[in-house]
Amino acid sequence: MRTKYLKLKSWLIVALGGLAGIPIACHMEMEYGTPQARYHVKGTVTNEQGQPIAGIGVGERKQRNEAGDSLLITGHLDTTDAEGRYKLDYNYAFPGQPLSVDFHDIDGVENGSYKDTVVTVNTENVQLSGGDGHWYEGEATVTQNVVMTEKTNK
């Protein structure tokens, strides 16, 4: 009897919320009322000999779509400088969730030709600071150095 009551109560809450325009369940990636953090990912990109690589495009890689393809978010791009340095900001990330970063050669053969590289940045144990005590848990800087492999001419 109690189970029937709870099911009826849950159904009524969802139905009344829907009629009032209040979303009861939502599958959005980020919405009001979800914990969020800001991560600054920085580092250097080098070749296998340890030399910095300039002209490498760096971007945030989003979740995979239905076809299984990763989607590059073009609004968060950087390019490595002459010292191979980059910086990428993730402004609305879930705290402690891994970040996926895409490194791709965009300058052609000018500084060598390198294979695209995707790196997962672990933020699980990263200390956040400056949170507001509510949904914004703060920000942190994470260093992620990357070694890219040269393409072979075959």
N, C-alpha and C. Protein backbone atom coordinates (compact mmCIF):
# COMPACT_ATOMS: atom_id res chain seq x y z
N MET A 1 0.82 -1.18 0.00
CA MET A 1 0.00 0.00 0.00
C MET A 1 0.87 1.26 0.00
N ARG A 2 1.93 1.24 0.81
CA ARG A 2 2.81 2.41 0.90
C ARG A 2 3.49 2.67 -0.45
N THR A 3 3.88 1.62 -1.17
CA THR A 3 4.53 1.77 -2.47
C THR A 3 3.59 2.45 -3.46
N LYS A 4 2.32 2.06 -3.46
CA LYS A 4 1.35 2.69 -4.36
C LYS A 4 1.20 4.18 -4.04
N TYR A 5 1.18 4.50 -2.74
CA TYR A 5 1.06 5.89 -2.32
C TYR A 5 2.26 6.71 -2.81
N LEU A 6 3.47 6.17 -2.64
CA LEU A 6 4.68 6.89 -3.06
C LEU A 6 4.73 7.07 -4.57
N LYS A 7 4.33 6.05 -5.32
CA LYS A 7 4.29 6.17 -6.78
C LYS A 7 3.29 7.24 -7.21
N LEU A 8 2.11 7.24 -6.58
CA LEU A 8 1.10 8.23 -6.91
C LEU A 8 1.59 9.63 -6.56
N LYS A 9 2.21 9.76 -5.40
CA LYS A 9 2.74 11.06 -4.97
C LYS A 9 3.80 11.56 -5.96
N SER A 10 4.72 10.69 -6.36
CA SER A 10 5.77 11.07 -7.31
C SER A 10 5.16 11.47 -8.65
N TRP A 11 4.19 10.71 -9.11
CA TRP A 11 3.54 11.03 -10.38
C TRP A 11 2.87 12.39 -10.32
N LEU A 12 2.17 12.66 -9.20
CA LEU A 12 1.48 13.95 -9.05
C LEU A 12 2.47 15.11 -9.02
N ILE A 13 3.60 14.95 -8.35
CA ILE A 13 4.61 16.01 -8.29
C ILE A 13 5.14 16.31 -9.68
N VAL A 14 5.47 15.28 -10.43
CA VAL A 14 5.99 15.47 -11.78
C VAL A 14 4.94 16.11 -12.68
N ALA A 15 3.70 15.62 -12.58
CA ALA A 15 2.62 16.15 -13.43
C ALA A 15 2.33 17.61 -13.10
N LEU A 16 2.21 17.94 -11.83
CA LEU A 16 1.92 19.33 -11.45
C LEU A 16 3.09 20.24 -11.78
N GLY A 17 4.32 19.76 -11.60
CA GLY A 17 5.49 20.55 -11.96
C GLY A 17 5.52 20.83 -13.45
N GLY A 18 5.19 19.82 -14.24
CA GLY A 18 5.15 19.99 -15.69
C GLY A 18 4.09 20.99 -16.12
N LEU A 19 2.91 20.94 -15.50
CA LEU A 19 1.85 21.89 -15.82
C LEU A 19 2.24 23.31 -15.42
N ALA A 20 3.01 23.44 -14.35
CA ALA A 20 3.43 24.77 -13.89
C ALA A 20 4.67 25.27 -14.63
N GLY A 21 5.25 24.42 -15.48
CA GLY A 21 6.43 24.83 -16.24
C GLY A 21 7.72 24.68 -15.47
N ILE A 22 7.71 23.86 -14.44
CA ILE A 22 8.91 23.63 -13.63
C ILE A 22 9.53 22.30 -14.08
N PRO A 23 10.76 22.34 -14.61
CA PRO A 23 11.38 21.08 -15.02
C PRO A 23 11.76 20.25 -13.79
N ILE A 24 11.26 19.04 -13.73
CA ILE A 24 11.54 18.18 -12.59
C ILE A 24 12.80 17.37 -12.83
N ALA A 25 12.97 16.88 -14.04
CA ALA A 25 14.16 16.11 -14.38
C ALA A 25 14.70 16.66 -15.69
N CYS A 26 16.00 16.84 -15.76
CA CYS A 26 16.59 17.44 -16.95
C CYS A 26 17.95 16.79 -17.21
N HIS A 27 18.31 16.62 -18.47
CA HIS A 27 19.57 15.99 -18.83
C HIS A 27 20.51 16.96 -19.50
N MET A 28 20.47 18.22 -19.12
CA MET A 28 21.36 19.21 -19.70
C MET A 28 22.75 19.04 -19.14
N GLU A 29 23.75 19.44 -19.92
CA GLU A 29 25.13 19.32 -19.50
C GLU A 29 25.45 20.23 -18.32
N MET A 30 24.94 21.45 -18.33
CA MET A 30 25.17 22.39 -17.24
C MET A 30 23.91 23.24 -17.13
N GLU A 31 23.38 23.35 -15.95
CA GLU A 31 22.20 24.15 -15.73
C GLU A 31 22.29 24.81 -14.38
N TYR A 32 21.36 25.68 -14.13
CA TYR A 32 21.31 26.35 -12.83
C TYR A 32 21.17 25.31 -11.74
N GLY A 33 21.94 25.45 -10.70
CA GLY A 33 21.82 24.55 -9.56
C GLY A 33 22.72 23.34 -9.64
N THR A 34 23.69 23.33 -10.55
CA THR A 34 24.64 22.23 -10.59
C THR A 34 26.01 22.76 -10.18
N PRO A 35 26.77 21.96 -9.45
CA PRO A 35 28.11 22.40 -9.05
C PRO A 35 28.97 22.69 -10.28
N GLN A 36 29.77 23.73 -10.19
CA GLN A 36 30.65 24.07 -11.31
C GLN A 36 31.96 24.64 -10.79
N ALA A 37 32.96 24.57 -11.65
CA ALA A 37 34.28 25.08 -11.30
C ALA A 37 34.93 25.63 -12.55
N ARG A 38 35.96 26.44 -12.35
CA ARG A 38 36.75 26.99 -13.46
C ARG A 38 38.15 26.39 -13.35
N TYR A 39 38.61 25.83 -14.47
CA TYR A 39 39.96 25.27 -14.53
C TYR A 39 40.77 26.00 -15.57
N HIS A 40 42.00 26.33 -15.24
CA HIS A 40 42.95 26.91 -16.17
C HIS A 40 43.99 25.81 -16.43
N VAL A 41 43.98 25.28 -17.64
CA VAL A 41 44.93 24.23 -18.00
C VAL A 41 46.05 24.89 -18.79
N LYS A 42 47.28 24.67 -18.35
CA LYS A 42 48.42 25.27 -19.03
C LYS A 42 49.54 24.25 -19.09
N GLY A 43 50.52 24.53 -19.93
CA GLY A 43 51.66 23.65 -20.04
C GLY A 43 52.46 23.95 -21.29
N THR A 44 53.32 23.00 -21.63
CA THR A 44 54.12 23.14 -22.84
C THR A 44 53.92 21.92 -23.72
N VAL A 45 54.09 22.15 -25.01
CA VAL A 45 54.00 21.08 -26.00
C VAL A 45 55.40 20.94 -26.60
N THR A 46 55.92 19.71 -26.54
CA THR A 46 57.26 19.45 -27.07
C THR A 46 57.21 18.25 -28.01
N ASN A 47 58.30 18.11 -28.78
CA ASN A 47 58.43 16.91 -29.61
C ASN A 47 59.12 15.82 -28.77
N GLU A 48 59.38 14.68 -29.36
CA GLU A 48 59.98 13.56 -28.62
C GLU A 48 61.41 13.83 -28.18
N GLN A 49 62.05 14.82 -28.78
CA GLN A 49 63.41 15.20 -28.38
C GLN A 49 63.40 16.28 -27.30
N GLY A 50 62.22 16.72 -26.86
CA GLY A 50 62.11 17.72 -25.81
C GLY A 50 62.15 19.15 -26.30
N GLN A 51 62.11 19.36 -27.61
CA GLN A 51 62.11 20.71 -28.18
C GLN A 51 60.68 21.26 -28.20
N PRO A 52 60.48 22.53 -27.80
CA PRO A 52 59.14 23.11 -27.83
C PRO A 52 58.63 23.23 -29.27
N ILE A 53 57.32 23.08 -29.42
CA ILE A 53 56.70 23.17 -30.74
C ILE A 53 55.75 24.38 -30.76
N ALA A 54 56.01 25.31 -31.65
CA ALA A 54 55.11 26.46 -31.85
C ALA A 54 54.06 26.09 -32.89
N GLY A 55 52.94 26.79 -32.88
CA GLY A 55 51.93 26.61 -33.92
C GLY A 55 51.06 25.38 -33.76
N ILE A 56 50.91 24.89 -32.54
CA ILE A 56 50.01 23.76 -32.29
C ILE A 56 48.70 24.33 -31.76
N GLY A 57 47.58 23.96 -32.39
CA GLY A 57 46.27 24.39 -31.93
C GLY A 57 45.85 23.57 -30.73
N VAL A 58 45.30 24.24 -29.74
CA VAL A 58 44.87 23.59 -28.51
C VAL A 58 43.40 23.92 -28.30
N GLY A 59 42.58 22.92 -28.06
CA GLY A 59 41.15 23.17 -27.86
C GLY A 59 40.53 22.19 -26.91
N GLU A 60 39.41 22.59 -26.36
CA GLU A 60 38.64 21.73 -25.47
C GLU A 60 37.89 20.71 -26.31
N ARG A 61 37.97 19.47 -25.94
CA ARG A 61 37.22 18.44 -26.65
C ARG A 61 35.99 18.10 -25.82
N LYS A 62 34.84 18.17 -26.44
CA LYS A 62 33.57 17.95 -25.76
C LYS A 62 33.22 16.47 -25.74
N GLN A 63 32.15 16.15 -25.06
CA GLN A 63 31.64 14.78 -25.02
C GLN A 63 31.38 14.27 -26.44
N ARG A 64 31.38 12.98 -26.60
CA ARG A 64 31.13 12.39 -27.91
C ARG A 64 29.66 12.52 -28.29
N ASN A 65 29.42 12.71 -29.60
CA ASN A 65 28.05 12.78 -30.08
C ASN A 65 27.51 11.37 -30.33
N GLU A 66 26.28 11.27 -30.86
CA GLU A 66 25.64 9.96 -31.07
C GLU A 66 26.45 9.06 -32.01
N ALA A 67 27.17 9.64 -32.96
CA ALA A 67 27.96 8.86 -33.91
C ALA A 67 29.29 8.42 -33.31
N GLY A 68 29.59 8.88 -32.09
CA GLY A 68 30.85 8.50 -31.46
C GLY A 68 31.99 9.45 -31.77
N ASP A 69 31.73 10.53 -32.48
CA ASP A 69 32.77 11.49 -32.83
C ASP A 69 32.95 12.49 -31.70
N SER A 70 34.19 12.86 -31.42
CA SER A 70 34.43 13.93 -30.46
C SER A 70 34.24 15.25 -31.17
N LEU A 71 33.70 16.22 -30.46
CA LEU A 71 33.44 17.52 -31.05
C LEU A 71 34.36 18.55 -30.42
N LEU A 72 35.06 19.31 -31.24
CA LEU A 72 35.95 20.35 -30.75
C LEU A 72 35.16 21.63 -30.56
N ILE A 73 35.26 22.21 -29.38
CA ILE A 73 34.58 23.47 -29.12
C ILE A 73 35.50 24.58 -29.59
N THR A 74 35.13 25.26 -30.65
CA THR A 74 36.02 26.25 -31.25
C THR A 74 36.11 27.54 -30.46
N GLY A 75 35.23 27.75 -29.48
CA GLY A 75 35.26 28.96 -28.70
C GLY A 75 36.36 28.99 -27.65
N HIS A 76 37.05 27.89 -27.43
CA HIS A 76 38.07 27.81 -26.39
C HIS A 76 39.41 27.40 -27.00
N LEU A 77 39.90 28.11 -27.97
CA LEU A 77 41.13 27.72 -28.65
C LEU A 77 42.31 28.57 -28.24
N ASP A 78 43.47 27.96 -28.25
CA ASP A 78 44.73 28.67 -28.06
C ASP A 78 45.71 28.06 -29.05
N THR A 79 46.82 28.73 -29.26
CA THR A 79 47.89 28.23 -30.11
C THR A 79 49.18 28.35 -29.32
N THR A 80 50.01 27.31 -29.40
CA THR A 80 51.27 27.36 -28.66
C THR A 80 52.16 28.46 -29.21
N ASP A 81 52.91 29.11 -28.30
CA ASP A 81 53.82 30.18 -28.70
C ASP A 81 55.18 29.59 -29.08
N ALA A 82 56.17 30.44 -29.29
CA ALA A 82 57.50 29.99 -29.72
C ALA A 82 58.16 29.07 -28.69
N GLU A 83 57.74 29.17 -27.42
CA GLU A 83 58.29 28.31 -26.36
C GLU A 83 57.45 27.06 -26.16
N GLY A 84 56.41 26.86 -26.99
CA GLY A 84 55.54 25.69 -26.87
C GLY A 84 54.49 25.82 -25.78
N ARG A 85 54.33 27.01 -25.20
CA ARG A 85 53.39 27.22 -24.09
C ARG A 85 51.97 27.45 -24.60
N TYR A 86 51.01 27.00 -23.78
CA TYR A 86 49.59 27.23 -24.08
C TYR A 86 48.84 27.44 -22.77
N LYS A 87 47.64 27.98 -22.88
CA LYS A 87 46.74 28.11 -21.74
C LYS A 87 45.32 27.99 -22.25
N LEU A 88 44.53 27.20 -21.57
CA LEU A 88 43.15 26.94 -21.98
C LEU A 88 42.26 27.07 -20.75
N ASP A 89 41.18 27.82 -20.85
CA ASP A 89 40.27 28.02 -19.72
C ASP A 89 38.98 27.23 -19.92
N TYR A 90 38.62 26.48 -18.90
CA TYR A 90 37.34 25.78 -18.85
C TYR A 90 36.50 26.54 -17.82
N ASN A 91 35.57 27.35 -18.28
CA ASN A 91 34.84 28.22 -17.37
C ASN A 91 33.70 27.55 -16.62
N TYR A 92 33.05 26.56 -17.20
CA TYR A 92 31.93 25.90 -16.55
C TYR A 92 32.11 24.39 -16.63
N ALA A 93 32.98 23.86 -15.78
CA ALA A 93 33.24 22.43 -15.77
C ALA A 93 32.67 21.83 -14.50
N PHE A 94 32.35 20.54 -14.55
CA PHE A 94 31.93 19.84 -13.35
C PHE A 94 33.16 19.59 -12.48
N PRO A 95 33.12 19.94 -11.21
CA PRO A 95 34.28 19.75 -10.33
C PRO A 95 34.70 18.29 -10.26
N GLY A 96 36.00 18.06 -10.40
CA GLY A 96 36.55 16.72 -10.28
C GLY A 96 36.40 15.84 -11.50
N GLN A 97 35.74 16.31 -12.55
CA GLN A 97 35.57 15.51 -13.76
C GLN A 97 36.76 15.71 -14.68
N PRO A 98 37.17 14.67 -15.40
CA PRO A 98 38.31 14.82 -16.31
C PRO A 98 37.98 15.78 -17.46
N LEU A 99 39.00 16.49 -17.91
CA LEU A 99 38.88 17.41 -19.04
C LEU A 99 39.64 16.80 -20.21
N SER A 100 39.10 16.91 -21.39
CA SER A 100 39.73 16.36 -22.57
C SER A 100 40.24 17.51 -23.45
N VAL A 101 41.54 17.48 -23.77
CA VAL A 101 42.16 18.56 -24.53
C VAL A 101 42.71 17.99 -25.84
N ASP A 102 42.45 18.70 -26.94
CA ASP A 102 42.86 18.29 -28.27
C ASP A 102 44.05 19.15 -28.72
N PHE A 103 45.12 18.51 -29.16
CA PHE A 103 46.30 19.20 -29.69
C PHE A 103 46.44 18.80 -31.15
N HIS A 104 46.46 19.80 -32.04
CA HIS A 104 46.57 19.48 -33.47
C HIS A 104 47.49 20.49 -34.16
N ASP A 105 48.23 20.00 -35.12
CA ASP A 105 49.20 20.80 -35.87
C ASP A 105 48.43 21.65 -36.88
N ILE A 106 48.49 22.98 -36.71
CA ILE A 106 47.73 23.85 -37.61
C ILE A 106 48.62 24.68 -38.53
N ASP A 107 49.94 24.59 -38.36
CA ASP A 107 50.82 25.43 -39.19
C ASP A 107 51.48 24.64 -40.33
N GLY A 108 50.98 23.45 -40.60
CA GLY A 108 51.55 22.66 -41.69
C GLY A 108 52.93 22.13 -41.33
N VAL A 109 53.85 22.20 -42.28
CA VAL A 109 55.19 21.63 -42.07
C VAL A 109 56.19 22.66 -41.56
N GLU A 110 55.75 23.87 -41.26
CA GLU A 110 56.64 24.94 -40.83
C GLU A 110 57.54 24.54 -39.65
N ASN A 111 56.96 23.94 -38.63
CA ASN A 111 57.72 23.50 -37.46
C ASN A 111 57.77 21.98 -37.35
N GLY A 112 57.60 21.30 -38.46
CA GLY A 112 57.48 19.85 -38.45
C GLY A 112 56.01 19.50 -38.58
N SER A 113 55.73 18.26 -38.85
CA SER A 113 54.35 17.81 -39.01
C SER A 113 54.07 16.77 -37.93
N TYR A 114 53.05 17.03 -37.08
CA TYR A 114 52.80 16.21 -35.91
C TYR A 114 51.42 15.59 -35.92
N LYS A 115 51.32 14.38 -35.34
CA LYS A 115 50.06 13.66 -35.22
C LYS A 115 49.17 14.36 -34.20
N ASP A 116 47.86 14.41 -34.49
CA ASP A 116 46.91 14.94 -33.52
C ASP A 116 46.99 14.13 -32.24
N THR A 117 46.85 14.81 -31.11
CA THR A 117 46.96 14.16 -29.81
C THR A 117 45.82 14.63 -28.93
N VAL A 118 45.17 13.70 -28.25
CA VAL A 118 44.12 14.03 -27.29
C VAL A 118 44.61 13.60 -25.91
N VAL A 119 44.54 14.52 -24.95
CA VAL A 119 45.03 14.26 -23.61
C VAL A 119 43.89 14.45 -22.62
N THR A 120 43.77 13.55 -21.66
CA THR A 120 42.79 13.67 -20.59
C THR A 120 43.48 14.27 -19.37
N VAL A 121 42.94 15.37 -18.89
CA VAL A 121 43.49 16.05 -17.72
C VAL A 121 42.68 15.64 -16.50
N ASN A 122 43.33 15.03 -15.53
CA ASN A 122 42.66 14.57 -14.32
C ASN A 122 42.51 15.73 -13.34
N THR A 123 41.28 16.01 -12.92
CA THR A 123 41.02 17.09 -11.95
C THR A 123 40.43 16.54 -10.65
N GLU A 124 40.48 15.24 -10.49
CA GLU A 124 39.82 14.60 -9.34
C GLU A 124 40.34 15.10 -7.99
N ASN A 125 41.64 15.25 -7.84
CA ASN A 125 42.22 15.65 -6.55
C ASN A 125 42.77 17.07 -6.56
N VAL A 126 42.29 17.89 -7.48
CA VAL A 126 42.76 19.27 -7.59
C VAL A 126 42.02 20.14 -6.57
N GLN A 127 42.77 20.90 -5.79
CA GLN A 127 42.19 21.80 -4.80
C GLN A 127 41.63 23.05 -5.48
N LEU A 128 40.37 23.32 -5.26
CA LEU A 128 39.72 24.52 -5.79
C LEU A 128 39.74 25.61 -4.73
N SER A 129 39.85 26.86 -5.17
CA SER A 129 39.81 27.98 -4.23
C SER A 129 38.90 29.07 -4.76
N GLY A 130 38.35 29.86 -3.85
CA GLY A 130 37.53 31.00 -4.24
C GLY A 130 36.08 30.68 -4.49
N GLY A 131 35.60 29.54 -4.02
CA GLY A 131 34.20 29.20 -4.21
C GLY A 131 33.29 30.13 -3.43
N ASP A 132 32.02 30.15 -3.82
CA ASP A 132 31.08 31.06 -3.16
C ASP A 132 30.27 30.38 -2.06
N GLY A 133 30.56 29.11 -1.78
CA GLY A 133 29.81 28.40 -0.75
C GLY A 133 28.48 27.86 -1.25
N HIS A 134 28.18 28.08 -2.51
CA HIS A 134 26.95 27.57 -3.10
C HIS A 134 27.32 26.64 -4.25
N TRP A 135 26.90 26.96 -5.46
CA TRP A 135 27.13 26.08 -6.60
C TRP A 135 28.51 26.26 -7.22
N TYR A 136 29.08 27.46 -7.13
CA TYR A 136 30.41 27.69 -7.68
C TYR A 136 31.44 27.24 -6.66
N GLU A 137 32.18 26.17 -7.01
CA GLU A 137 33.12 25.57 -6.06
C GLU A 137 34.52 26.17 -6.13
N GLY A 138 34.77 27.07 -7.09
CA GLY A 138 36.06 27.74 -7.15
C GLY A 138 36.82 27.44 -8.43
N GLU A 139 38.13 27.78 -8.40
CA GLU A 139 38.95 27.58 -9.60
C GLU A 139 40.32 27.05 -9.21
N ALA A 140 40.99 26.52 -10.22
CA ALA A 140 42.34 25.97 -10.01
C ALA A 140 43.09 25.98 -11.33
N THR A 141 44.41 26.00 -11.22
CA THR A 141 45.27 25.89 -12.40
C THR A 141 45.89 24.50 -12.40
N VAL A 142 45.83 23.84 -13.54
CA VAL A 142 46.39 22.50 -13.70
C VAL A 142 47.44 22.55 -14.80
N THR A 143 48.62 22.02 -14.53
CA THR A 143 49.68 21.97 -15.54
C THR A 143 49.65 20.61 -16.23
N GLN A 144 49.60 20.64 -17.56
CA GLN A 144 49.60 19.42 -18.36
C GLN A 144 50.56 19.59 -19.52
N ASN A 145 51.74 19.01 -19.41
CA ASN A 145 52.72 19.05 -20.50
C ASN A 145 52.44 17.90 -21.45
N VAL A 146 52.68 18.14 -22.74
CA VAL A 146 52.32 17.18 -23.78
C VAL A 146 53.50 16.95 -24.71
N VAL A 147 53.71 15.69 -25.07
CA VAL A 147 54.74 15.33 -26.05
C VAL A 147 53.99 14.84 -27.30
N MET A 148 54.26 15.49 -28.44
CA MET A 148 53.62 15.10 -29.69
C MET A 148 54.61 14.31 -30.56
N THR A 149 54.07 13.38 -31.32
CA THR A 149 54.86 12.51 -32.18
C THR A 149 54.82 13.03 -33.61
N GLU A 150 55.98 13.06 -34.25
CA GLU A 150 56.05 13.51 -35.64
C GLU A 150 55.41 12.49 -36.55
N LYS A 151 54.75 13.02 -37.60
CA LYS A 151 54.18 12.15 -38.63
C LYS A 151 55.33 11.59 -39.46
N THR A 152 55.16 10.35 -39.87
CA THR A 152 56.18 9.75 -40.74
C THR A 152 55.71 9.82 -42.18
N ASN A 153 56.64 10.00 -43.11
CA ASN A 153 56.32 10.04 -44.54
C ASN A 153 56.43 8.65 -45.11
N LYS A 154 55.30 8.02 -45.30
CA LYS A 154 55.30 6.68 -45.89
C LYS A 154 54.40 6.63 -47.06
